[in-house]
Amino acid sequence: MMRVRVRYFASFREATGIDDEWVDTDAKNLRALFDEAMARHAGLDHEPAALVAVNDCMADWDARVGEGDEVLFFPPVAGG
């Protein structure tokens, strides 16, 4: 079990109703951590184009999670 800080942005923040939270997790990777977040927050859905960062560096969804990491979840962004 490890403790990590999870931050939500834009529509993910709206869906969860919070900016961030500290969570205790056994997640093996960022995808599993997001799955846990979806289980805690009914309005949160996985979006294929969503992005994730760890400690301010963009990361792959299969990257490992470590004790004390700060994980940032970004929903897809439309541009024009």
PDB file of N, CA and C in Angstrom:
ATOM      1  N   MET A   1       0.855  -1.182   0.000  1.00  0.00           N
ATOM      2  CA  MET A   1       0.000   0.000   0.000  1.00  0.00           C
ATOM      3  C   MET A   1       0.895   1.238   0.000  1.00  0.00           C
ATOM      4  N   MET A   2       0.548   2.208  -0.818  1.00  0.00           N
ATOM      5  CA  MET A   2       1.291   3.472  -0.874  1.00  0.00           C
ATOM      6  C   MET A   2       0.303   4.629  -0.882  1.00  0.00           C
ATOM      7  N   ARG A   3       0.794   5.796  -0.540  1.00  0.00           N
ATOM      8  CA  ARG A   3      -0.043   7.003  -0.521  1.00  0.00           C
ATOM      9  C   ARG A   3       0.426   7.923  -1.640  1.00  0.00           C
ATOM     10  N   VAL A   4      -0.534   8.374  -2.469  1.00  0.00           N
ATOM     11  CA  VAL A   4      -0.230   9.285  -3.571  1.00  0.00           C
ATOM     12  C   VAL A   4      -1.253  10.416  -3.586  1.00  0.00           C
ATOM     13  N   ARG A   5      -0.842  11.532  -4.148  1.00  0.00           N
ATOM     14  CA  ARG A   5      -1.766  12.660  -4.327  1.00  0.00           C
ATOM     15  C   ARG A   5      -2.282  12.616  -5.755  1.00  0.00           C
ATOM     16  N   VAL A   6      -3.581  12.693  -5.908  1.00  0.00           N
ATOM     17  CA  VAL A   6      -4.211  12.689  -7.229  1.00  0.00           C
ATOM     18  C   VAL A   6      -4.866  14.045  -7.445  1.00  0.00           C
ATOM     19  N   ARG A   7      -4.554  14.666  -8.594  1.00  0.00           N
ATOM     20  CA  ARG A   7      -5.150  15.959  -8.947  1.00  0.00           C
ATOM     21  C   ARG A   7      -5.981  15.787 -10.217  1.00  0.00           C
ATOM     22  N   TYR A   8      -7.137  16.455 -10.232  1.00  0.00           N
ATOM     23  CA  TYR A   8      -8.079  16.362 -11.351  1.00  0.00           C
ATOM     24  C   TYR A   8      -8.201  17.730 -12.015  1.00  0.00           C
ATOM     25  N   PHE A   9      -8.293  17.735 -13.345  1.00  0.00           N
ATOM     26  CA  PHE A   9      -8.381  18.979 -14.087  1.00  0.00           C
ATOM     27  C   PHE A   9      -9.617  19.000 -14.980  1.00  0.00           C
ATOM     28  N   ALA A  10     -10.120  20.214 -15.214  1.00  0.00           N
ATOM     29  CA  ALA A  10     -11.230  20.498 -16.139  1.00  0.00           C
ATOM     30  C   ALA A  10     -12.447  19.615 -15.852  1.00  0.00           C
ATOM     31  N   SER A  11     -12.922  18.880 -16.846  1.00  0.00           N
ATOM     32  CA  SER A  11     -14.149  18.089 -16.654  1.00  0.00           C
ATOM     33  C   SER A  11     -13.965  16.975 -15.627  1.00  0.00           C
ATOM     34  N   PHE A  12     -12.737  16.496 -15.442  1.00  0.00           N
ATOM     35  CA  PHE A  12     -12.504  15.488 -14.396  1.00  0.00           C
ATOM     36  C   PHE A  12     -12.713  16.109 -13.019  1.00  0.00           C
ATOM     37  N   ARG A  13     -12.296  17.362 -12.846  1.00  0.00           N
ATOM     38  CA  ARG A  13     -12.519  18.064 -11.579  1.00  0.00           C
ATOM     39  C   ARG A  13     -14.019  18.267 -11.356  1.00  0.00           C
ATOM     40  N   GLU A  14     -14.729  18.632 -12.408  1.00  0.00           N
ATOM     41  CA  GLU A  14     -16.176  18.810 -12.297  1.00  0.00           C
ATOM     42  C   GLU A  14     -16.866  17.497 -11.948  1.00  0.00           C
ATOM     43  N   ALA A  15     -16.418  16.400 -12.531  1.00  0.00           N
ATOM     44  CA  ALA A  15     -17.029  15.090 -12.293  1.00  0.00           C
ATOM     45  C   ALA A  15     -16.798  14.604 -10.860  1.00  0.00           C
ATOM     46  N   THR A  16     -15.622  14.896 -10.315  1.00  0.00           N
ATOM     47  CA  THR A  16     -15.308  14.428  -8.959  1.00  0.00           C
ATOM     48  C   THR A  16     -15.775  15.407  -7.900  1.00  0.00           C
ATOM     49  N   GLY A  17     -15.893  16.680  -8.257  1.00  0.00           N
ATOM     50  CA  GLY A  17     -16.273  17.706  -7.294  1.00  0.00           C
ATOM     51  C   GLY A  17     -15.127  18.144  -6.397  1.00  0.00           C
ATOM     52  N   ILE A  18     -13.906  17.731  -6.733  1.00  0.00           N
ATOM     53  CA  ILE A  18     -12.731  18.101  -5.941  1.00  0.00           C
ATOM     54  C   ILE A  18     -11.561  18.420  -6.856  1.00  0.00           C
ATOM     55  N   ASP A  19     -10.607  19.193  -6.334  1.00  0.00           N
ATOM     56  CA  ASP A  19      -9.387  19.497  -7.083  1.00  0.00           C
ATOM     57  C   ASP A  19      -8.364  18.379  -6.945  1.00  0.00           C
ATOM     58  N   ASP A  20      -8.257  17.842  -5.723  1.00  0.00           N
ATOM     59  CA  ASP A  20      -7.257  16.814  -5.472  1.00  0.00           C
ATOM     60  C   ASP A  20      -7.629  16.008  -4.244  1.00  0.00           C
ATOM     61  N   GLU A  21      -6.941  14.884  -4.087  1.00  0.00           N
ATOM     62  CA  GLU A  21      -7.139  14.031  -2.921  1.00  0.00           C
ATOM     63  C   GLU A  21      -5.902  13.174  -2.708  1.00  0.00           C
ATOM     64  N   TRP A  22      -5.669  12.804  -1.458  1.00  0.00           N
ATOM     65  CA  TRP A  22      -4.634  11.832  -1.119  1.00  0.00           C
ATOM     66  C   TRP A  22      -5.298  10.483  -1.031  1.00  0.00           C
ATOM     67  N   VAL A  23      -4.723   9.487  -1.686  1.00  0.00           N
ATOM     68  CA  VAL A  23      -5.314   8.150  -1.668  1.00  0.00           C
ATOM     69  C   VAL A  23      -4.270   7.104  -1.302  1.00  0.00           C
ATOM     70  N   ASP A  24      -4.731   6.082  -0.617  1.00  0.00           N
ATOM     71  CA  ASP A  24      -3.920   4.900  -0.346  1.00  0.00           C
ATOM     72  C   ASP A  24      -4.275   3.891  -1.416  1.00  0.00           C
ATOM     73  N   THR A  25      -3.275   3.358  -2.087  1.00  0.00           N
ATOM     74  CA  THR A  25      -3.541   2.514  -3.250  1.00  0.00           C
ATOM     75  C   THR A  25      -2.551   1.353  -3.353  1.00  0.00           C
ATOM     76  N   ASP A  26      -3.006   0.311  -3.992  1.00  0.00           N
ATOM     77  CA  ASP A  26      -2.159  -0.815  -4.382  1.00  0.00           C
ATOM     78  C   ASP A  26      -2.027  -0.856  -5.902  1.00  0.00           C
ATOM     79  N   ALA A  27      -2.473   0.208  -6.585  1.00  0.00           N
ATOM     80  CA  ALA A  27      -2.457   0.239  -8.050  1.00  0.00           C
ATOM     81  C   ALA A  27      -1.059  -0.031  -8.581  1.00  0.00           C
ATOM     82  N   LYS A  28      -0.979  -0.889  -9.561  1.00  0.00           N
ATOM     83  CA  LYS A  28       0.306  -1.237 -10.170  1.00  0.00           C
ATOM     84  C   LYS A  28       0.745  -0.232 -11.221  1.00  0.00           C
ATOM     85  N   ASN A  29      -0.242   0.490 -11.788  1.00  0.00           N
ATOM     86  CA  ASN A  29       0.094   1.484 -12.807  1.00  0.00           C
ATOM     87  C   ASN A  29      -0.948   2.600 -12.786  1.00  0.00           C
ATOM     88  N   LEU A  30      -0.732   3.600 -13.628  1.00  0.00           N
ATOM     89  CA  LEU A  30      -1.617   4.769 -13.636  1.00  0.00           C
ATOM     90  C   LEU A  30      -3.019   4.428 -14.109  1.00  0.00           C
ATOM     91  N   ARG A  31      -3.134   3.489 -15.011  1.00  0.00           N
ATOM     92  CA  ARG A  31      -4.455   3.063 -15.487  1.00  0.00           C
ATOM     93  C   ARG A  31      -5.259   2.470 -14.326  1.00  0.00           C
ATOM     94  N   ALA A  32      -4.632   1.638 -13.525  1.00  0.00           N
ATOM     95  CA  ALA A  32      -5.313   1.034 -12.367  1.00  0.00           C
ATOM     96  C   ALA A  32      -5.677   2.098 -11.332  1.00  0.00           C
ATOM     97  N   LEU A  33      -4.827   3.111 -11.171  1.00  0.00           N
ATOM     98  CA  LEU A  33      -5.129   4.197 -10.250  1.00  0.00           C
ATOM     99  C   LEU A  33      -6.351   4.972 -10.722  1.00  0.00           C
ATOM    100  N   PHE A  34      -6.439   5.212 -12.033  1.00  0.00           N
ATOM    101  CA  PHE A  34      -7.616   5.906 -12.568  1.00  0.00           C
ATOM    102  C   PHE A  34      -8.861   5.041 -12.405  1.00  0.00           C
ATOM    103  N   ASP A  35      -8.733   3.735 -12.586  1.00  0.00           N
ATOM    104  CA  ASP A  35      -9.869   2.825 -12.367  1.00  0.00           C
ATOM    105  C   ASP A  35     -10.368   2.929 -10.928  1.00  0.00           C
ATOM    106  N   GLU A  36      -9.436   3.018  -9.973  1.00  0.00           N
ATOM    107  CA  GLU A  36      -9.829   3.198  -8.578  1.00  0.00           C
ATOM    108  C   GLU A  36     -10.568   4.521  -8.374  1.00  0.00           C
ATOM    109  N   ALA A  37     -10.094   5.577  -9.045  1.00  0.00           N
ATOM    110  CA  ALA A  37     -10.754   6.881  -8.949  1.00  0.00           C
ATOM    111  C   ALA A  37     -12.175   6.809  -9.509  1.00  0.00           C
ATOM    112  N   MET A  38     -12.355   6.087 -10.610  1.00  0.00           N
ATOM    113  CA  MET A  38     -13.701   5.936 -11.181  1.00  0.00           C
ATOM    114  C   MET A  38     -14.619   5.203 -10.204  1.00  0.00           C
ATOM    115  N   ALA A  39     -14.092   4.249  -9.459  1.00  0.00           N
ATOM    116  CA  ALA A  39     -14.892   3.515  -8.480  1.00  0.00           C
ATOM    117  C   ALA A  39     -15.301   4.428  -7.315  1.00  0.00           C
ATOM    118  N   ARG A  40     -14.453   5.402  -6.964  1.00  0.00           N
ATOM    119  CA  ARG A  40     -14.758   6.327  -5.865  1.00  0.00           C
ATOM    120  C   ARG A  40     -15.688   7.451  -6.287  1.00  0.00           C
ATOM    121  N   HIS A  41     -15.607   7.850  -7.562  1.00  0.00           N
ATOM    122  CA  HIS A  41     -16.343   9.021  -8.057  1.00  0.00           C
ATOM    123  C   HIS A  41     -17.257   8.606  -9.206  1.00  0.00           C
ATOM    124  N   ALA A  42     -18.534   8.513  -8.911  1.00  0.00           N
ATOM    125  CA  ALA A  42     -19.513   7.992  -9.874  1.00  0.00           C
ATOM    126  C   ALA A  42     -19.543   8.761 -11.192  1.00  0.00           C
ATOM    127  N   GLY A  43     -19.275  10.052 -11.188  1.00  0.00           N
ATOM    128  CA  GLY A  43     -19.351  10.851 -12.411  1.00  0.00           C
ATOM    129  C   GLY A  43     -18.123  10.781 -13.289  1.00  0.00           C
ATOM    130  N   LEU A  44     -17.086  10.121 -12.831  1.00  0.00           N
ATOM    131  CA  LEU A  44     -15.829  10.057 -13.566  1.00  0.00           C
ATOM    132  C   LEU A  44     -15.846   8.893 -14.544  1.00  0.00           C
ATOM    133  N   ASP A  45     -15.497   9.172 -15.807  1.00  0.00           N
ATOM    134  CA  ASP A  45     -15.442   8.144 -16.847  1.00  0.00           C
ATOM    135  C   ASP A  45     -14.095   8.191 -17.537  1.00  0.00           C
ATOM    136  N   HIS A  46     -13.624   7.018 -17.967  1.00  0.00           N
ATOM    137  CA  HIS A  46     -12.382   6.975 -18.728  1.00  0.00           C
ATOM    138  C   HIS A  46     -12.641   7.480 -20.148  1.00  0.00           C
ATOM    139  N   GLU A  47     -11.765   8.317 -20.614  1.00  0.00           N
ATOM    140  CA  GLU A  47     -11.849   8.816 -21.978  1.00  0.00           C
ATOM    141  C   GLU A  47     -10.552   8.412 -22.681  1.00  0.00           C
ATOM    142  N   PRO A  48     -10.651   7.766 -23.831  1.00  0.00           N
ATOM    143  CA  PRO A  48      -9.458   7.245 -24.509  1.00  0.00           C
ATOM    144  C   PRO A  48      -8.368   8.282 -24.766  1.00  0.00           C
ATOM    145  N   ALA A  49      -8.736   9.536 -24.989  1.00  0.00           N
ATOM    146  CA  ALA A  49      -7.738  10.559 -25.293  1.00  0.00           C
ATOM    147  C   ALA A  49      -7.253  11.301 -24.044  1.00  0.00           C
ATOM    148  N   ALA A  50      -7.650  10.848 -22.862  1.00  0.00           N
ATOM    149  CA  ALA A  50      -7.215  11.494 -21.623  1.00  0.00           C
ATOM    150  C   ALA A  50      -5.703  11.362 -21.456  1.00  0.00           C
ATOM    151  N   LEU A  51      -5.128  12.313 -20.724  1.00  0.00           N
ATOM    152  CA  LEU A  51      -3.689  12.327 -20.485  1.00  0.00           C
ATOM    153  C   LEU A  51      -3.409  12.208 -18.993  1.00  0.00           C
ATOM    154  N   VAL A  52      -2.199  11.769 -18.684  1.00  0.00           N
ATOM    155  CA  VAL A  52      -1.792  11.618 -17.287  1.00  0.00           C
ATOM    156  C   VAL A  52      -0.349  12.082 -17.143  1.00  0.00           C
ATOM    157  N   ALA A  53      -0.057  12.660 -15.983  1.00  0.00           N
ATOM    158  CA  ALA A  53       1.307  13.078 -15.667  1.00  0.00           C
ATOM    159  C   ALA A  53       1.636  12.625 -14.252  1.00  0.00           C
ATOM    160  N   VAL A  54       2.921  12.405 -14.015  1.00  0.00           N
ATOM    161  CA  VAL A  54       3.407  12.049 -12.688  1.00  0.00           C
ATOM    162  C   VAL A  54       4.529  13.021 -12.336  1.00  0.00           C
ATOM    163  N   ASN A  55       4.354  13.685 -11.204  1.00  0.00           N
ATOM    164  CA  ASN A  55       5.369  14.637 -10.740  1.00  0.00           C
ATOM    165  C   ASN A  55       5.741  15.634 -11.835  1.00  0.00           C
ATOM    166  N   ASP A  56       4.700  16.161 -12.501  1.00  0.00           N
ATOM    167  CA  ASP A  56       4.821  17.195 -13.533  1.00  0.00           C
ATOM    168  C   ASP A  56       5.455  16.737 -14.844  1.00  0.00           C
ATOM    169  N   CYS A  57       5.561  15.436 -15.062  1.00  0.00           N
ATOM    170  CA  CYS A  57       6.069  14.898 -16.333  1.00  0.00           C
ATOM    171  C   CYS A  57       4.996  14.029 -16.974  1.00  0.00           C
ATOM    172  N   MET A  58       4.696  14.285 -18.236  1.00  0.00           N
ATOM    173  CA  MET A  58       3.705  13.470 -18.922  1.00  0.00           C
ATOM    174  C   MET A  58       4.142  12.009 -18.875  1.00  0.00           C
ATOM    175  N   ALA A  59       3.153  11.114 -18.726  1.00  0.00           N
ATOM    176  CA  ALA A  59       3.474   9.700 -18.546  1.00  0.00           C
ATOM    177  C   ALA A  59       2.543   8.833 -19.379  1.00  0.00           C
ATOM    178  N   ASP A  60       2.932   7.593 -19.535  1.00  0.00           N
ATOM    179  CA  ASP A  60       2.129   6.580 -20.206  1.00  0.00           C
ATOM    180  C   ASP A  60       1.196   5.950 -19.162  1.00  0.00           C
ATOM    181  N   TRP A  61       0.019   5.545 -19.569  1.00  0.00           N
ATOM    182  CA  TRP A  61      -0.955   4.950 -18.653  1.00  0.00           C
ATOM    183  C   TRP A  61      -0.434   3.665 -18.000  1.00  0.00           C
ATOM    184  N   ASP A  62       0.533   3.018 -18.606  1.00  0.00           N
ATOM    185  CA  ASP A  62       1.084   1.781 -18.042  1.00  0.00           C
ATOM    186  C   ASP A  62       2.259   2.038 -17.097  1.00  0.00           C
ATOM    187  N   ALA A  63       2.622   3.312 -16.879  1.00  0.00           N
ATOM    188  CA  ALA A  63       3.734   3.640 -15.975  1.00  0.00           C
ATOM    189  C   ALA A  63       3.358   3.293 -14.536  1.00  0.00           C
ATOM    190  N   ARG A  64       4.369   2.931 -13.774  1.00  0.00           N
ATOM    191  CA  ARG A  64       4.173   2.554 -12.367  1.00  0.00           C
ATOM    192  C   ARG A  64       3.876   3.775 -11.497  1.00  0.00           C
ATOM    193  N   VAL A  65       3.220   3.518 -10.388  1.00  0.00           N
ATOM    194  CA  VAL A  65       2.919   4.523  -9.378  1.00  0.00           C
ATOM    195  C   VAL A  65       3.856   4.281  -8.200  1.00  0.00           C
ATOM    196  N   GLY A  66       4.380   5.359  -7.622  1.00  0.00           N
ATOM    197  CA  GLY A  66       5.287   5.219  -6.493  1.00  0.00           C
ATOM    198  C   GLY A  66       4.826   6.000  -5.274  1.00  0.00           C
ATOM    199  N   GLU A  67       5.293   5.612  -4.121  1.00  0.00           N
ATOM    200  CA  GLU A  67       4.975   6.277  -2.858  1.00  0.00           C
ATOM    201  C   GLU A  67       5.238   7.781  -2.963  1.00  0.00           C
ATOM    202  N   GLY A  68       4.239   8.582  -2.584  1.00  0.00           N
ATOM    203  CA  GLY A  68       4.389  10.028  -2.562  1.00  0.00           C
ATOM    204  C   GLY A  68       4.266  10.717  -3.904  1.00  0.00           C
ATOM    205  N   ASP A  69       4.036   9.963  -4.986  1.00  0.00           N
ATOM    206  CA  ASP A  69       3.886  10.584  -6.304  1.00  0.00           C
ATOM    207  C   ASP A  69       2.697  11.535  -6.327  1.00  0.00           C
ATOM    208  N   GLU A  70       2.797  12.557  -7.184  1.00  0.00           N
ATOM    209  CA  GLU A  70       1.662  13.419  -7.476  1.00  0.00           C
ATOM    210  C   GLU A  70       1.217  13.084  -8.899  1.00  0.00           C
ATOM    211  N   VAL A  71      -0.001  12.587  -9.031  1.00  0.00           N
ATOM    212  CA  VAL A  71      -0.536  12.128 -10.306  1.00  0.00           C
ATOM    213  C   VAL A  71      -1.589  13.119 -10.777  1.00  0.00           C
ATOM    214  N   LEU A  72      -1.493  13.559 -12.016  1.00  0.00           N
ATOM    215  CA  LEU A  72      -2.410  14.541 -12.586  1.00  0.00           C
ATOM    216  C   LEU A  72      -3.196  13.888 -13.726  1.00  0.00           C
ATOM    217  N   PHE A  73      -4.516  13.958 -13.635  1.00  0.00           N
ATOM    218  CA  PHE A  73      -5.382  13.411 -14.682  1.00  0.00           C
ATOM    219  C   PHE A  73      -6.001  14.563 -15.475  1.00  0.00           C
ATOM    220  N   PHE A  74      -5.797  14.530 -16.790  1.00  0.00           N
ATOM    221  CA  PHE A  74      -6.309  15.559 -17.704  1.00  0.00           C
ATOM    222  C   PHE A  74      -7.288  14.933 -18.686  1.00  0.00           C
ATOM    223  N   PRO A  75      -8.499  15.487 -18.802  1.00  0.00           N
ATOM    224  CA  PRO A  75      -9.415  14.977 -19.819  1.00  0.00           C
ATOM    225  C   PRO A  75      -8.952  15.422 -21.211  1.00  0.00           C
ATOM    226  N   PRO A  76      -9.526  14.832 -22.252  1.00  0.00           N
ATOM    227  CA  PRO A  76      -9.166  15.250 -23.611  1.00  0.00           C
ATOM    228  C   PRO A  76      -9.476  16.750 -23.784  1.00  0.00           C
ATOM    229  N   VAL A  77      -8.645  17.420 -24.565  1.00  0.00           N
ATOM    230  CA  VAL A  77      -8.821  18.842 -24.800  1.00  0.00           C
ATOM    231  C   VAL A  77      -9.109  19.049 -26.282  1.00  0.00           C
ATOM    232  N   ALA A  78     -10.188  19.763 -26.559  1.00  0.00           N
ATOM    233  CA  ALA A  78     -10.526  20.084 -27.955  1.00  0.00           C
ATOM    234  C   ALA A  78      -9.832  21.380 -28.336  1.00  0.00           C
ATOM    235  N   GLY A  79      -9.351  21.413 -29.537  1.00  0.00           N
ATOM    236  CA  GLY A  79      -8.682  22.637 -30.008  1.00  0.00           C
ATOM    237  C   GLY A  79      -9.238  23.043 -31.352  1.00  0.00           C
ATOM    238  N   GLY A  80      -8.854  24.188 -31.754  1.00  0.00           N
ATOM    239  CA  GLY A  80      -9.370  24.614 -33.041  1.00  0.00           C
ATOM    240  C   GLY A  80      -8.601  25.728 -33.630  1.00  0.00           C
TER     241      GLY A  80
END
